[in-house]
């Protein structure tokens, strides 16, 4: 319960805000036992998922912000050339042909690069 929480601090030092929770893992019969309270990694992951679901339900705009932050993080992991292609095709709304002409390459080369980059982004966002 609340009496077992030592601290709960939201960190804004990274692109995605996150919570650091420090608590004393006391059982109902007052024994100190992290294994009994947390269990294994699967249980810890469930705790995190349940907390996320609660926060999104209570603060609906949070889900969108987390997804936007996740996208920004994924885009930052692309090479400068990959970022330029994404910028041109999706933000500046150039066609593959227009961008290919700017670079002096065949349109198919841009299409292949775009497909590869989108697959990479999809994997980064999973």
C-alpha atoms as a PDB file:
ATOM      1  CA  UNK A   1       0.000   0.000   0.000  1.00  0.00           C
ATOM      2  CA  UNK A   2       0.865   3.689   0.103  1.00  0.00           C
ATOM      3  CA  UNK A   3       2.649   3.274   3.407  1.00  0.00           C
ATOM      4  CA  UNK A   4       5.284   1.152   1.656  1.00  0.00           C
ATOM      5  CA  UNK A   5       6.159   3.796  -0.942  1.00  0.00           C
ATOM      6  CA  UNK A   6       9.438   5.543  -0.185  1.00  0.00           C
ATOM      7  CA  UNK A   7       9.423   7.798  -3.257  1.00  0.00           C
ATOM      8  CA  UNK A   8       7.791   8.214  -6.643  1.00  0.00           C
ATOM      9  CA  UNK A   9       9.556  10.616  -8.995  1.00  0.00           C
ATOM     10  CA  UNK A  10       8.623  11.434 -12.579  1.00  0.00           C
ATOM     11  CA  UNK A  11      11.757  11.992 -14.661  1.00  0.00           C
ATOM     12  CA  UNK A  12      11.527  14.401 -17.579  1.00  0.00           C
ATOM     13  CA  UNK A  13      15.233  14.121 -18.479  1.00  0.00           C
ATOM     14  CA  UNK A  14      14.614  11.912 -21.519  1.00  0.00           C
ATOM     15  CA  UNK A  15      12.268  12.166 -24.499  1.00  0.00           C
ATOM     16  CA  UNK A  16       9.727   9.909 -22.807  1.00  0.00           C
ATOM     17  CA  UNK A  17       8.781  10.828 -19.245  1.00  0.00           C
ATOM     18  CA  UNK A  18       9.078   7.895 -16.879  1.00  0.00           C
ATOM     19  CA  UNK A  19       8.482   7.113 -13.234  1.00  0.00           C
ATOM     20  CA  UNK A  20      11.002   5.833 -10.733  1.00  0.00           C
ATOM     21  CA  UNK A  21       9.192   4.118  -7.890  1.00  0.00           C
ATOM     22  CA  UNK A  22      10.983   3.093  -4.716  1.00  0.00           C
ATOM     23  CA  UNK A  23       9.051   0.984  -2.255  1.00  0.00           C
ATOM     24  CA  UNK A  24       9.549  -1.485   0.564  1.00  0.00           C
ATOM     25  CA  UNK A  25       8.263  -4.913  -0.555  1.00  0.00           C
ATOM     26  CA  UNK A  26       6.451  -5.945   2.612  1.00  0.00           C
ATOM     27  CA  UNK A  27       4.069  -8.899   2.506  1.00  0.00           C
ATOM     28  CA  UNK A  28       0.668  -8.822   4.228  1.00  0.00           C
ATOM     29  CA  UNK A  29       2.214 -10.589   7.220  1.00  0.00           C
ATOM     30  CA  UNK A  30       4.938  -7.887   7.364  1.00  0.00           C
ATOM     31  CA  UNK A  31       7.845  -9.885   5.905  1.00  0.00           C
ATOM     32  CA  UNK A  32      10.348  -8.223   3.598  1.00  0.00           C
ATOM     33  CA  UNK A  33      10.081 -10.271   0.374  1.00  0.00           C
ATOM     34  CA  UNK A  34      10.531  -8.710  -3.089  1.00  0.00           C
ATOM     35  CA  UNK A  35      10.104 -12.064  -4.798  1.00  0.00           C
ATOM     36  CA  UNK A  36       6.674 -12.540  -3.255  1.00  0.00           C
ATOM     37  CA  UNK A  37       5.539  -8.993  -4.050  1.00  0.00           C
ATOM     38  CA  UNK A  38       7.009  -8.537  -7.525  1.00  0.00           C
ATOM     39  CA  UNK A  39       7.426 -12.139  -8.573  1.00  0.00           C
ATOM     40  CA  UNK A  40       9.262 -12.612 -11.854  1.00  0.00           C
ATOM     41  CA  UNK A  41       9.913 -10.425 -14.915  1.00  0.00           C
ATOM     42  CA  UNK A  42       6.510 -11.309 -16.334  1.00  0.00           C
ATOM     43  CA  UNK A  43       4.813  -9.965 -13.196  1.00  0.00           C
ATOM     44  CA  UNK A  44       6.941  -6.814 -13.253  1.00  0.00           C
ATOM     45  CA  UNK A  45       5.998  -6.262 -16.898  1.00  0.00           C
ATOM     46  CA  UNK A  46       2.324  -6.750 -15.974  1.00  0.00           C
ATOM     47  CA  UNK A  47       2.710  -4.128 -13.232  1.00  0.00           C
ATOM     48  CA  UNK A  48       4.141  -1.707 -15.777  1.00  0.00           C
ATOM     49  CA  UNK A  49       1.387  -2.466 -18.304  1.00  0.00           C
ATOM     50  CA  UNK A  50      -1.336  -2.078 -15.662  1.00  0.00           C
ATOM     51  CA  UNK A  51       0.140   1.248 -14.522  1.00  0.00           C
ATOM     52  CA  UNK A  52       0.306   2.467 -18.118  1.00  0.00           C
ATOM     53  CA  UNK A  53      -3.333   1.448 -18.734  1.00  0.00           C
ATOM     54  CA  UNK A  54      -4.434   3.239 -15.557  1.00  0.00           C
ATOM     55  CA  UNK A  55      -2.581   6.432 -16.503  1.00  0.00           C
ATOM     56  CA  UNK A  56      -3.949   6.442 -20.061  1.00  0.00           C
ATOM     57  CA  UNK A  57      -7.484   5.946 -18.743  1.00  0.00           C
ATOM     58  CA  UNK A  58      -7.072   8.740 -16.191  1.00  0.00           C
ATOM     59  CA  UNK A  59      -5.162  11.056 -18.591  1.00  0.00           C
ATOM     60  CA  UNK A  60      -6.309  10.256 -22.178  1.00  0.00           C
ATOM     61  CA  UNK A  61      -3.870  12.702 -23.825  1.00  0.00           C
ATOM     62  CA  UNK A  62      -0.952  10.763 -22.357  1.00  0.00           C
ATOM     63  CA  UNK A  63      -1.244   7.928 -24.895  1.00  0.00           C
ATOM     64  CA  UNK A  64      -0.901  10.322 -27.824  1.00  0.00           C
ATOM     65  CA  UNK A  65       2.080  12.067 -26.242  1.00  0.00           C
ATOM     66  CA  UNK A  66       3.811   8.745 -25.590  1.00  0.00           C
ATOM     67  CA  UNK A  67       3.252   7.649 -29.199  1.00  0.00           C
ATOM     68  CA  UNK A  68       4.540  10.972 -30.552  1.00  0.00           C
ATOM     69  CA  UNK A  69       7.589  10.734 -28.296  1.00  0.00           C
ATOM     70  CA  UNK A  70       8.172   7.180 -29.468  1.00  0.00           C
ATOM     71  CA  UNK A  71       8.001   8.299 -33.119  1.00  0.00           C
ATOM     72  CA  UNK A  72      10.418  11.180 -32.492  1.00  0.00           C
ATOM     73  CA  UNK A  73      12.842   8.779 -30.814  1.00  0.00           C
ATOM     74  CA  UNK A  74      12.589   6.335 -33.733  1.00  0.00           C
ATOM     75  CA  UNK A  75      13.119   9.090 -36.317  1.00  0.00           C
ATOM     76  CA  UNK A  76      16.197  10.281 -34.426  1.00  0.00           C
ATOM     77  CA  UNK A  77      17.678   6.791 -34.774  1.00  0.00           C
ATOM     78  CA  UNK A  78      17.641   7.039 -38.572  1.00  0.00           C
ATOM     79  CA  UNK A  79      20.715   8.124 -40.507  1.00  0.00           C
ATOM     80  CA  UNK A  80      20.756  11.718 -41.821  1.00  0.00           C
ATOM     81  CA  UNK A  81      20.065  10.396 -45.354  1.00  0.00           C
ATOM     82  CA  UNK A  82      17.084   8.371 -44.106  1.00  0.00           C
ATOM     83  CA  UNK A  83      15.763  11.371 -42.194  1.00  0.00           C
ATOM     84  CA  UNK A  84      16.088  13.552 -45.311  1.00  0.00           C
ATOM     85  CA  UNK A  85      14.058  11.062 -47.348  1.00  0.00           C
ATOM     86  CA  UNK A  86      11.305  10.896 -44.707  1.00  0.00           C
ATOM     87  CA  UNK A  87      11.304  14.701 -44.450  1.00  0.00           C
ATOM     88  CA  UNK A  88      10.994  15.121 -48.227  1.00  0.00           C
ATOM     89  CA  UNK A  89       8.339  12.469 -48.869  1.00  0.00           C
ATOM     90  CA  UNK A  90       6.145  12.755 -45.783  1.00  0.00           C
ATOM     91  CA  UNK A  91       6.586  16.262 -44.417  1.00  0.00           C
ATOM     92  CA  UNK A  92       7.319  18.239 -47.575  1.00  0.00           C
ATOM     93  CA  UNK A  93       4.990  15.914 -49.535  1.00  0.00           C
ATOM     94  CA  UNK A  94       7.301  15.535 -52.513  1.00  0.00           C
ATOM     95  CA  UNK A  95       6.699  12.620 -54.835  1.00  0.00           C
ATOM     96  CA  UNK A  96       9.251   9.861 -55.189  1.00  0.00           C
ATOM     97  CA  UNK A  97       9.918  11.143 -58.717  1.00  0.00           C
ATOM     98  CA  UNK A  98      10.538  14.724 -57.537  1.00  0.00           C
ATOM     99  CA  UNK A  99      12.925  13.598 -54.804  1.00  0.00           C
ATOM    100  CA  UNK A 100      14.715  11.243 -57.201  1.00  0.00           C
ATOM    101  CA  UNK A 101      15.227  14.107 -59.670  1.00  0.00           C
ATOM    102  CA  UNK A 102      16.663  16.308 -56.887  1.00  0.00           C
ATOM    103  CA  UNK A 103      19.168  13.589 -55.995  1.00  0.00           C
ATOM    104  CA  UNK A 104      19.868  12.573 -59.562  1.00  0.00           C
ATOM    105  CA  UNK A 105      18.828   8.940 -59.057  1.00  0.00           C
ATOM    106  CA  UNK A 106      16.136   6.683 -60.467  1.00  0.00           C
ATOM    107  CA  UNK A 107      12.684   6.872 -58.875  1.00  0.00           C
ATOM    108  CA  UNK A 108      12.829   3.150 -58.126  1.00  0.00           C
ATOM    109  CA  UNK A 109      15.924   3.718 -55.974  1.00  0.00           C
ATOM    110  CA  UNK A 110      13.917   6.166 -53.836  1.00  0.00           C
ATOM    111  CA  UNK A 111      11.023   3.712 -53.630  1.00  0.00           C
ATOM    112  CA  UNK A 112      13.328   0.905 -52.452  1.00  0.00           C
ATOM    113  CA  UNK A 113      14.971   3.196 -49.860  1.00  0.00           C
ATOM    114  CA  UNK A 114      11.565   4.392 -48.624  1.00  0.00           C
ATOM    115  CA  UNK A 115      10.327   0.811 -48.230  1.00  0.00           C
ATOM    116  CA  UNK A 116      13.487  -0.167 -46.311  1.00  0.00           C
ATOM    117  CA  UNK A 117      13.232   2.888 -44.032  1.00  0.00           C
ATOM    118  CA  UNK A 118       9.541   2.293 -43.296  1.00  0.00           C
ATOM    119  CA  UNK A 119      10.298  -1.316 -42.342  1.00  0.00           C
ATOM    120  CA  UNK A 120      13.087  -0.054 -40.072  1.00  0.00           C
ATOM    121  CA  UNK A 121      10.736   2.480 -38.448  1.00  0.00           C
ATOM    122  CA  UNK A 122       8.065  -0.158 -37.955  1.00  0.00           C
ATOM    123  CA  UNK A 123      10.574  -2.371 -36.157  1.00  0.00           C
ATOM    124  CA  UNK A 124      11.767   0.545 -33.998  1.00  0.00           C
ATOM    125  CA  UNK A 125       8.182   1.376 -33.047  1.00  0.00           C
ATOM    126  CA  UNK A 126       7.251  -2.180 -31.998  1.00  0.00           C
END
